[in-house]
C-alpha atoms as a PDB file:
ATOM      1  CA  MET A   1      19.202  15.977  60.813  1.00  0.00           C
ATOM      2  CA  SER A   2      18.820  12.365  61.867  1.00  0.00           C
ATOM      3  CA  ARG A   3      21.532   9.757  61.183  1.00  0.00           C
ATOM      4  CA  SER A   4      19.388   7.965  58.729  1.00  0.00           C
ATOM      5  CA  ARG A   5      18.576  11.154  56.778  1.00  0.00           C
ATOM      6  CA  THR A   6      22.227  12.164  56.776  1.00  0.00           C
ATOM      7  CA  ARG A   7      23.165   8.697  55.459  1.00  0.00           C
ATOM      8  CA  ARG A   8      20.559   9.271  52.660  1.00  0.00           C
ATOM      9  CA  PHE A   9      22.433  12.570  51.955  1.00  0.00           C
ATOM     10  CA  LEU A  10      25.702  10.741  51.713  1.00  0.00           C
ATOM     11  CA  ALA A  11      24.230   8.305  49.267  1.00  0.00           C
ATOM     12  CA  ALA A  12      22.226  10.770  47.198  1.00  0.00           C
ATOM     13  CA  PHE A  13      25.191  13.080  46.637  1.00  0.00           C
ATOM     14  CA  ALA A  14      27.716  10.309  46.240  1.00  0.00           C
ATOM     15  CA  VAL A  15      30.442  11.466  48.634  1.00  0.00           C
ATOM     16  CA  ALA A  16      33.747  10.172  47.043  1.00  0.00           C
ATOM     17  CA  ALA A  17      35.805   8.280  49.565  1.00  0.00           C
ATOM     18  CA  VAL A  18      39.499   9.064  49.120  1.00  0.00           C
ATOM     19  CA  ALA A  19      41.883   6.566  50.617  1.00  0.00           C
ATOM     20  CA  VAL A  20      44.051   8.260  53.158  1.00  0.00           C
ATOM     21  CA  GLY A  21      45.206   5.526  55.380  1.00  0.00           C
ATOM     22  CA  THR A  22      42.786   2.682  55.830  1.00  0.00           C
ATOM     23  CA  VAL A  23      39.264   3.452  54.318  1.00  0.00           C
ATOM     24  CA  ALA A  24      36.117   2.236  55.940  1.00  0.00           C
ATOM     25  CA  ALA A  25      32.500   2.987  55.474  1.00  0.00           C
ATOM     26  CA  CYS A  26      31.610   6.622  56.298  1.00  0.00           C
ATOM     27  CA  SER A  27      28.616   5.597  58.347  1.00  0.00           C
ATOM     28  CA  SER A  28      30.536   3.349  60.636  1.00  0.00           C
ATOM     29  CA  ASP A  29      30.397   4.394  64.281  1.00  0.00           C
ATOM     30  CA  ASN A  30      33.872   4.841  65.397  1.00  0.00           C
ATOM     31  CA  SER A  31      33.823   8.390  66.948  1.00  0.00           C
ATOM     32  CA  SER A  32      34.533   7.196  70.410  1.00  0.00           C
ATOM     33  CA  ASP A  33      37.280   4.781  69.608  1.00  0.00           C
ATOM     34  CA  GLU A  34      40.747   6.542  69.643  1.00  0.00           C
ATOM     35  CA  ASN A  35      42.232   3.564  67.848  1.00  0.00           C
ATOM     36  CA  ALA A  36      39.846   3.827  64.928  1.00  0.00           C
ATOM     37  CA  PRO A  37      40.519   6.022  61.856  1.00  0.00           C
ATOM     38  CA  LEU A  38      39.361   9.641  62.209  1.00  0.00           C
ATOM     39  CA  ARG A  39      36.629  10.165  59.621  1.00  0.00           C
ATOM     40  CA  ILE A  40      36.775  13.663  57.882  1.00  0.00           C
ATOM     41  CA  VAL A  41      34.422  15.165  55.357  1.00  0.00           C
ATOM     42  CA  ALA A  42      36.450  17.775  53.230  1.00  0.00           C
ATOM     43  CA  SER A  43      36.319  19.855  50.095  1.00  0.00           C
ATOM     44  CA  SER A  44      38.574  18.275  47.322  1.00  0.00           C
ATOM     45  CA  VAL A  45      40.772  21.456  46.762  1.00  0.00           C
ATOM     46  CA  PRO A  46      42.758  22.347  48.665  1.00  0.00           C
ATOM     47  CA  HIS A  47      41.486  20.642  51.855  1.00  0.00           C
ATOM     48  CA  ALA A  48      41.662  16.886  50.861  1.00  0.00           C
ATOM     49  CA  GLU A  49      44.934  17.643  49.138  1.00  0.00           C
ATOM     50  CA  ILE A  50      46.381  18.998  52.273  1.00  0.00           C
ATOM     51  CA  LEU A  51      45.078  15.980  54.253  1.00  0.00           C
ATOM     52  CA  LYS A  52      46.650  13.713  51.771  1.00  0.00           C
ATOM     53  CA  PHE A  53      49.990  15.495  52.209  1.00  0.00           C
ATOM     54  CA  VAL A  54      49.781  15.199  56.044  1.00  0.00           C
ATOM     55  CA  GLU A  55      49.191  11.516  55.727  1.00  0.00           C
ATOM     56  CA  GLU A  56      51.901  10.880  53.154  1.00  0.00           C
ATOM     57  CA  LYS A  57      54.461  12.994  54.972  1.00  0.00           C
ATOM     58  CA  GLY A  58      53.953  10.928  58.181  1.00  0.00           C
ATOM     59  CA  LEU A  59      52.841  13.809  60.283  1.00  0.00           C
ATOM     60  CA  LEU A  60      50.137  11.826  62.056  1.00  0.00           C
ATOM     61  CA  GLY A  61      52.285   9.064  63.603  1.00  0.00           C
ATOM     62  CA  ASP A  62      50.068   6.177  64.304  1.00  0.00           C
ATOM     63  CA  THR A  63      46.840   8.107  63.695  1.00  0.00           C
ATOM     64  CA  LYS A  64      44.829   7.008  60.638  1.00  0.00           C
ATOM     65  CA  ILE A  65      42.298   9.247  58.787  1.00  0.00           C
ATOM     66  CA  GLU A  66      39.580   8.555  56.357  1.00  0.00           C
ATOM     67  CA  VAL A  67      38.714  11.321  54.014  1.00  0.00           C
ATOM     68  CA  SER A  68      35.466  11.673  52.111  1.00  0.00           C
ATOM     69  CA  GLU A  69      35.280  14.517  49.502  1.00  0.00           C
ATOM     70  CA  ILE A  70      32.233  16.768  49.409  1.00  0.00           C
ATOM     71  CA  THR A  71      30.272  16.482  46.194  1.00  0.00           C
ATOM     72  CA  GLY A  72      26.870  17.819  45.215  1.00  0.00           C
ATOM     73  CA  ASP A  73      24.771  19.624  47.764  1.00  0.00           C
ATOM     74  CA  LEU A  74      26.013  17.778  50.893  1.00  0.00           C
ATOM     75  CA  ASP A  75      26.017  19.850  53.961  1.00  0.00           C
ATOM     76  CA  ALA A  76      29.191  18.766  55.774  1.00  0.00           C
ATOM     77  CA  ASN A  77      28.067  20.529  59.040  1.00  0.00           C
ATOM     78  CA  GLU A  78      24.894  18.547  59.166  1.00  0.00           C
ATOM     79  CA  VAL A  79      26.756  15.363  58.564  1.00  0.00           C
ATOM     80  CA  LEU A  80      29.128  16.236  61.379  1.00  0.00           C
ATOM     81  CA  GLU A  81      26.532  17.391  63.825  1.00  0.00           C
ATOM     82  CA  ALA A  82      24.643  14.108  63.254  1.00  0.00           C
ATOM     83  CA  GLY A  83      27.614  12.069  64.077  1.00  0.00           C
ATOM     84  CA  ASP A  84      28.058  10.548  60.723  1.00  0.00           C
ATOM     85  CA  THR A  85      31.637  11.888  60.569  1.00  0.00           C
ATOM     86  CA  ASP A  86      34.136  12.885  63.138  1.00  0.00           C
ATOM     87  CA  ALA A  87      35.372  16.085  61.648  1.00  0.00           C
ATOM     88  CA  ASN A  88      34.966  18.349  58.612  1.00  0.00           C
ATOM     89  CA  PHE A  89      37.414  20.595  56.827  1.00  0.00           C
ATOM     90  CA  PHE A  90      35.879  22.980  54.261  1.00  0.00           C
ATOM     91  CA  GLN A  91      34.666  26.139  55.886  1.00  0.00           C
ATOM     92  CA  HIS A  92      35.953  29.410  57.395  1.00  0.00           C
ATOM     93  CA  VAL A  93      35.211  30.666  60.806  1.00  0.00           C
ATOM     94  CA  PRO A  94      32.468  33.296  60.013  1.00  0.00           C
ATOM     95  CA  TYR A  95      30.618  30.600  57.968  1.00  0.00           C
ATOM     96  CA  GLN A  96      30.744  28.078  60.642  1.00  0.00           C
ATOM     97  CA  GLU A  97      29.534  30.693  63.263  1.00  0.00           C
ATOM     98  CA  SER A  98      26.729  31.831  60.851  1.00  0.00           C
ATOM     99  CA  TRP A  99      25.621  28.148  60.167  1.00  0.00           C
ATOM    100  CA  SER A 100      25.579  27.235  63.877  1.00  0.00           C
ATOM    101  CA  LYS A 101      23.534  30.388  64.724  1.00  0.00           C
ATOM    102  CA  GLU A 102      21.034  29.719  61.990  1.00  0.00           C
ATOM    103  CA  LYS A 103      20.635  26.117  62.892  1.00  0.00           C
ATOM    104  CA  GLY A 104      20.582  26.560  66.691  1.00  0.00           C
ATOM    105  CA  VAL A 105      23.711  24.291  67.034  1.00  0.00           C
ATOM    106  CA  ASP A 106      26.203  24.783  69.763  1.00  0.00           C
ATOM    107  CA  ASP A 107      28.248  21.702  69.803  1.00  0.00           C
ATOM    108  CA  LEU A 108      30.595  22.292  66.675  1.00  0.00           C
ATOM    109  CA  VAL A 109      34.033  23.787  67.429  1.00  0.00           C
ATOM    110  CA  ALA A 110      36.976  24.848  65.285  1.00  0.00           C
ATOM    111  CA  VAL A 111      40.210  23.142  66.406  1.00  0.00           C
ATOM    112  CA  ALA A 112      42.813  24.399  63.954  1.00  0.00           C
ATOM    113  CA  LYS A 113      43.117  27.355  61.696  1.00  0.00           C
ATOM    114  CA  VAL A 114      44.928  26.023  58.606  1.00  0.00           C
ATOM    115  CA  HIS A 115      44.732  28.291  55.589  1.00  0.00           C
ATOM    116  CA  VAL A 116      43.030  31.207  53.788  1.00  0.00           C
ATOM    117  CA  GLU A 117      41.632  30.962  50.295  1.00  0.00           C
ATOM    118  CA  PRO A 118      41.656  34.665  49.134  1.00  0.00           C
ATOM    119  CA  LEU A 119      38.423  35.780  47.462  1.00  0.00           C
ATOM    120  CA  GLY A 120      38.939  37.017  44.058  1.00  0.00           C
ATOM    121  CA  ALA A 121      37.225  39.181  41.402  1.00  0.00           C
ATOM    122  CA  TYR A 122      37.307  37.574  37.959  1.00  0.00           C
ATOM    123  CA  SER A 123      36.087  38.724  34.624  1.00  0.00           C
ATOM    124  CA  LYS A 124      36.347  37.806  30.914  1.00  0.00           C
ATOM    125  CA  LYS A 125      34.861  41.179  29.726  1.00  0.00           C
ATOM    126  CA  VAL A 126      37.513  43.484  31.388  1.00  0.00           C
ATOM    127  CA  THR A 127      41.056  43.482  32.500  1.00  0.00           C
ATOM    128  CA  ASN A 128      40.636  46.084  35.092  1.00  0.00           C
ATOM    129  CA  VAL A 129      37.683  46.626  37.410  1.00  0.00           C
ATOM    130  CA  ALA A 130      37.853  50.325  36.689  1.00  0.00           C
ATOM    131  CA  ASP A 131      36.642  49.424  33.095  1.00  0.00           C
ATOM    132  CA  LEU A 132      33.404  47.801  34.170  1.00  0.00           C
ATOM    133  CA  ARG A 133      30.391  49.274  32.388  1.00  0.00           C
ATOM    134  CA  GLN A 134      27.753  51.322  34.174  1.00  0.00           C
ATOM    135  CA  GLY A 135      25.145  49.061  35.579  1.00  0.00           C
ATOM    136  CA  ALA A 136      27.512  45.992  35.407  1.00  0.00           C
ATOM    137  CA  THR A 137      26.262  42.682  36.913  1.00  0.00           C
ATOM    138  CA  VAL A 138      28.357  41.100  39.622  1.00  0.00           C
ATOM    139  CA  ALA A 139      27.845  37.405  40.648  1.00  0.00           C
ATOM    140  CA  LEU A 140      28.450  36.633  44.300  1.00  0.00           C
ATOM    141  CA  SER A 141      27.765  33.669  46.594  1.00  0.00           C
ATOM    142  CA  ASN A 142      24.416  32.986  47.704  1.00  0.00           C
ATOM    143  CA  ASN A 143      25.435  32.319  51.366  1.00  0.00           C
ATOM    144  CA  VAL A 144      25.265  35.160  53.843  1.00  0.00           C
ATOM    145  CA  THR A 145      28.799  35.293  55.014  1.00  0.00           C
ATOM    146  CA  ASN A 146      30.416  34.910  51.620  1.00  0.00           C
ATOM    147  CA  PHE A 147      28.084  37.466  50.016  1.00  0.00           C
ATOM    148  CA  ALA A 148      29.044  39.892  52.691  1.00  0.00           C
ATOM    149  CA  ARG A 149      32.698  38.984  52.136  1.00  0.00           C
ATOM    150  CA  GLY A 150      32.295  39.756  48.438  1.00  0.00           C
ATOM    151  CA  LEU A 151      30.864  43.029  49.025  1.00  0.00           C
ATOM    152  CA  TYR A 152      33.952  43.964  51.182  1.00  0.00           C
ATOM    153  CA  LEU A 153      36.175  42.785  48.250  1.00  0.00           C
ATOM    154  CA  LEU A 154      34.227  45.218  46.002  1.00  0.00           C
ATOM    155  CA  GLN A 155      34.759  47.991  48.524  1.00  0.00           C
ATOM    156  CA  GLN A 156      38.554  47.045  48.565  1.00  0.00           C
ATOM    157  CA  ALA A 157      38.544  47.296  44.754  1.00  0.00           C
ATOM    158  CA  GLY A 158      37.008  50.821  45.097  1.00  0.00           C
ATOM    159  CA  LEU A 159      33.742  49.902  43.430  1.00  0.00           C
ATOM    160  CA  ILE A 160      31.321  50.453  46.306  1.00  0.00           C
ATOM    161  CA  LYS A 161      31.450  51.815  49.911  1.00  0.00           C
ATOM    162  CA  LEU A 162      29.793  50.173  52.878  1.00  0.00           C
ATOM    163  CA  ASP A 163      28.543  51.779  56.080  1.00  0.00           C
ATOM    164  CA  GLN A 164      30.409  49.252  58.267  1.00  0.00           C
ATOM    165  CA  GLN A 165      34.005  48.286  58.151  1.00  0.00           C
ATOM    166  CA  LEU A 166      35.246  44.715  58.356  1.00  0.00           C
ATOM    167  CA  GLY A 167      36.492  43.813  61.748  1.00  0.00           C
ATOM    168  CA  ALA A 168      35.209  47.042  63.357  1.00  0.00           C
ATOM    169  CA  PRO A 169      33.673  46.654  66.786  1.00  0.00           C
ATOM    170  CA  GLY A 170      30.000  45.834  66.456  1.00  0.00           C
ATOM    171  CA  THR A 171      30.184  44.758  62.818  1.00  0.00           C
ATOM    172  CA  ASP A 172      28.203  41.492  62.339  1.00  0.00           C
ATOM    173  CA  ILE A 173      29.145  40.197  58.938  1.00  0.00           C
ATOM    174  CA  THR A 174      26.068  37.894  58.973  1.00  0.00           C
ATOM    175  CA  GLN A 175      24.013  41.107  58.829  1.00  0.00           C
ATOM    176  CA  ILE A 176      25.855  42.828  56.031  1.00  0.00           C
ATOM    177  CA  SER A 177      23.857  43.076  52.795  1.00  0.00           C
ATOM    178  CA  GLU A 178      23.206  45.375  49.855  1.00  0.00           C
ATOM    179  CA  LYS A 179      21.312  47.633  52.319  1.00  0.00           C
ATOM    180  CA  ASN A 180      24.718  48.513  53.794  1.00  0.00           C
ATOM    181  CA  ILE A 181      25.990  49.996  50.497  1.00  0.00           C
ATOM    182  CA  ILE A 182      26.173  53.736  50.855  1.00  0.00           C
ATOM    183  CA  ASP A 183      28.050  54.459  47.498  1.00  0.00           C
ATOM    184  CA  ASN A 184      27.745  52.607  44.251  1.00  0.00           C
ATOM    185  CA  PRO A 185      28.983  55.071  41.637  1.00  0.00           C
ATOM    186  CA  LYS A 186      28.863  52.396  38.796  1.00  0.00           C
ATOM    187  CA  GLY A 187      25.345  51.368  39.676  1.00  0.00           C
ATOM    188  CA  LEU A 188      26.372  47.673  40.027  1.00  0.00           C
ATOM    189  CA  THR A 189      23.676  45.121  40.290  1.00  0.00           C
ATOM    190  CA  PHE A 190      24.124  41.826  42.023  1.00  0.00           C
ATOM    191  CA  THR A 191      23.108  38.183  41.373  1.00  0.00           C
ATOM    192  CA  GLN A 192      23.535  35.467  43.899  1.00  0.00           C
ATOM    193  CA  VAL A 193      24.804  32.032  42.881  1.00  0.00           C
ATOM    194  CA  ASP A 194      25.721  28.744  44.549  1.00  0.00           C
ATOM    195  CA  PRO A 195      29.414  29.114  45.256  1.00  0.00           C
ATOM    196  CA  PRO A 196      30.680  26.065  43.245  1.00  0.00           C
ATOM    197  CA  GLN A 197      28.797  27.403  40.146  1.00  0.00           C
ATOM    198  CA  LEU A 198      30.467  30.840  40.264  1.00  0.00           C
ATOM    199  CA  PRO A 199      33.254  30.122  37.893  1.00  0.00           C
ATOM    200  CA  ARG A 200      30.791  29.067  35.206  1.00  0.00           C
ATOM    201  CA  THR A 201      29.193  32.517  35.387  1.00  0.00           C
ATOM    202  CA  LEU A 202      32.280  33.942  33.716  1.00  0.00           C
ATOM    203  CA  ASP A 203      30.871  32.504  30.361  1.00  0.00           C
ATOM    204  CA  ASP A 204      27.511  33.954  31.076  1.00  0.00           C
ATOM    205  CA  GLY A 205      26.943  36.946  28.797  1.00  0.00           C
ATOM    206  CA  ASN A 206      24.935  38.562  31.469  1.00  0.00           C
ATOM    207  CA  VAL A 207      27.623  38.604  34.144  1.00  0.00           C
ATOM    208  CA  ASP A 208      30.454  41.081  34.056  1.00  0.00           C
ATOM    209  CA  LEU A 209      32.389  40.251  37.120  1.00  0.00           C
ATOM    210  CA  ALA A 210      32.259  37.158  39.400  1.00  0.00           C
ATOM    211  CA  ILE A 211      33.443  37.139  43.063  1.00  0.00           C
ATOM    212  CA  ILE A 212      34.857  33.529  43.620  1.00  0.00           C
ATOM    213  CA  ASN A 213      36.148  31.645  46.563  1.00  0.00           C
ATOM    214  CA  GLY A 214      39.786  30.491  46.080  1.00  0.00           C
ATOM    215  CA  ASN A 215      39.030  26.779  46.224  1.00  0.00           C
ATOM    216  CA  TYR A 216      36.274  27.037  43.610  1.00  0.00           C
ATOM    217  CA  ALA A 217      38.388  29.261  41.428  1.00  0.00           C
ATOM    218  CA  ILE A 218      41.101  26.573  41.473  1.00  0.00           C
ATOM    219  CA  GLU A 219      38.712  23.865  40.754  1.00  0.00           C
ATOM    220  CA  GLY A 220      37.407  26.048  37.844  1.00  0.00           C
ATOM    221  CA  GLY A 221      40.773  26.166  36.234  1.00  0.00           C
ATOM    222  CA  LEU A 222      41.613  29.702  37.520  1.00  0.00           C
ATOM    223  CA  ASN A 223      44.793  30.730  39.335  1.00  0.00           C
ATOM    224  CA  PRO A 224      43.617  33.404  41.840  1.00  0.00           C
ATOM    225  CA  ALA A 225      47.257  34.736  42.256  1.00  0.00           C
ATOM    226  CA  LYS A 226      47.445  35.370  38.482  1.00  0.00           C
ATOM    227  CA  ASP A 227      43.899  35.630  37.208  1.00  0.00           C
ATOM    228  CA  ALA A 228      42.020  37.695  39.812  1.00  0.00           C
ATOM    229  CA  LEU A 229      41.610  41.359  38.849  1.00  0.00           C
ATOM    230  CA  VAL A 230      41.363  41.905  42.665  1.00  0.00           C
ATOM    231  CA  LEU A 231      42.512  39.559  45.306  1.00  0.00           C
ATOM    232  CA  GLU A 232      41.494  39.676  48.968  1.00  0.00           C
ATOM    233  CA  LYS A 233      44.306  40.895  51.261  1.00  0.00           C
ATOM    234  CA  ALA A 234      45.982  38.258  53.398  1.00  0.00           C
ATOM    235  CA  GLU A 235      46.923  40.422  56.259  1.00  0.00           C
ATOM    236  CA  GLY A 236      44.354  40.424  59.061  1.00  0.00           C
ATOM    237  CA  ASN A 237      42.087  38.189  56.934  1.00  0.00           C
ATOM    238  CA  PRO A 238      39.345  36.647  59.338  1.00  0.00           C
ATOM    239  CA  TYR A 239      38.317  33.862  56.846  1.00  0.00           C
ATOM    240  CA  ALA A 240      40.786  31.168  57.965  1.00  0.00           C
ATOM    241  CA  ASN A 241      39.603  27.644  56.876  1.00  0.00           C
ATOM    242  CA  VAL A 242      39.397  25.499  59.973  1.00  0.00           C
ATOM    243  CA  LEU A 243      39.225  21.838  60.944  1.00  0.00           C
ATOM    244  CA  THR A 244      35.871  21.445  62.883  1.00  0.00           C
ATOM    245  CA  VAL A 245      34.683  18.676  65.206  1.00  0.00           C
ATOM    246  CA  ARG A 246      31.981  18.118  67.654  1.00  0.00           C
ATOM    247  CA  THR A 247      32.823  19.416  71.124  1.00  0.00           C
ATOM    248  CA  SER A 248      32.727  15.805  72.417  1.00  0.00           C
ATOM    249  CA  LEU A 249      35.791  15.154  70.232  1.00  0.00           C
ATOM    250  CA  GLU A 250      37.753  18.299  70.887  1.00  0.00           C
ATOM    251  CA  ASN A 251      40.174  16.646  73.261  1.00  0.00           C
ATOM    252  CA  ASP A 252      40.358  13.443  71.281  1.00  0.00           C
ATOM    253  CA  ALA A 253      43.992  12.411  70.763  1.00  0.00           C
ATOM    254  CA  ARG A 254      43.411  11.802  67.063  1.00  0.00           C
ATOM    255  CA  VAL A 255      41.916  15.234  66.611  1.00  0.00           C
ATOM    256  CA  GLN A 256      44.747  16.900  68.534  1.00  0.00           C
ATOM    257  CA  LYS A 257      47.323  15.098  66.467  1.00  0.00           C
ATOM    258  CA  LEU A 258      45.689  16.090  63.226  1.00  0.00           C
ATOM    259  CA  ALA A 259      45.348  19.732  64.411  1.00  0.00           C
ATOM    260  CA  GLU A 260      49.011  19.772  65.321  1.00  0.00           C
ATOM    261  CA  ALA A 261      49.982  18.438  61.846  1.00  0.00           C
ATOM    262  CA  LEU A 262      47.751  20.874  59.953  1.00  0.00           C
ATOM    263  CA  THR A 263      49.207  23.865  61.757  1.00  0.00           C
ATOM    264  CA  SER A 264      52.823  22.732  61.230  1.00  0.00           C
ATOM    265  CA  THR A 265      55.617  24.360  59.336  1.00  0.00           C
ATOM    266  CA  ASP A 266      55.564  21.435  57.034  1.00  0.00           C
ATOM    267  CA  VAL A 267      52.026  22.033  55.957  1.00  0.00           C
ATOM    268  CA  ALA A 268      52.630  25.838  55.787  1.00  0.00           C
ATOM    269  CA  THR A 269      55.498  25.164  53.359  1.00  0.00           C
ATOM    270  CA  PHE A 270      53.402  22.746  51.382  1.00  0.00           C
ATOM    271  CA  ILE A 271      50.624  25.320  50.910  1.00  0.00           C
ATOM    272  CA  GLU A 272      53.038  28.083  49.857  1.00  0.00           C
ATOM    273  CA  GLN A 273      54.900  25.858  47.333  1.00  0.00           C
ATOM    274  CA  THR A 274      51.931  24.118  45.930  1.00  0.00           C
ATOM    275  CA  TYR A 275      49.442  26.963  45.520  1.00  0.00           C
ATOM    276  CA  GLN A 276      51.797  29.978  45.003  1.00  0.00           C
ATOM    277  CA  GLY A 277      49.608  32.516  46.642  1.00  0.00           C
ATOM    278  CA  SER A 278      46.296  31.167  45.557  1.00  0.00           C
ATOM    279  CA  VAL A 279      46.043  29.530  49.091  1.00  0.00           C
ATOM    280  CA  ILE A 280      47.879  31.120  52.055  1.00  0.00           C
ATOM    281  CA  PRO A 281      48.900  29.497  55.284  1.00  0.00           C
ATOM    282  CA  ALA A 282      46.852  30.811  58.278  1.00  0.00           C
ATOM    283  CA  SER A 283      50.137  31.583  59.955  1.00  0.00           C
ATOM    284  CA  ALA A 284      50.994  34.142  57.300  1.00  0.00           C
ATOM    285  CA  THR A 285      47.748  36.176  57.791  1.00  0.00           C
END
């Protein structure tokens, strides 16, 4: 994506600038100036909240950051790859790898694993997944990695069985689909939905169960630790959310300072106390 087109994306989807340090225009070219604020595009919950804590806690020293929250259909990786921001903070490692592979991009790198947002299974029709009706409809993410992740959560719940195990040698999560289901005793059917819209499907009379990312569940008024019928296991979870930059900024002093702050015990404690198990520090997985 060209810079001009990316800026049109920024305008069209009204990225909300959140003052964290000194705010400047998102399109200003300060990527090579280590004295300039580091520009970051981030999801509002919990990513921007974590960044706000880092700034207010004084964990960045003299480093300043500018945070723009993602709204609408903005592709934060395209914005980063085009150079219209210096970093993004919204995605987990498998998603970043899948996106880069699909787009033929090789200059994005994760510099800090910060937290995990456990995927959860939610329903307003049953209080136990064992009570799902025969032929129940399950809503899952429409992106490849999170769709596969949802299938593995359904397997964890004992609802289906897949022919490849998560984390096993040779398993490529970007290739996991309904074709890998080898046992589906309830005859579950699946519908794919844009991730931010998944909480709304709970009020859809045609959806029996929704598999929702932790951040979107929180934004939708859900408490993953309390409301999820099944919650993704933390131990060995490969879906850590990461701070991502272009390779040209990997060794930038501002990036290194932010990465250090995001992986600090202060941030881990903030995550544990603020989100009460709905978001988990990567250090605990």
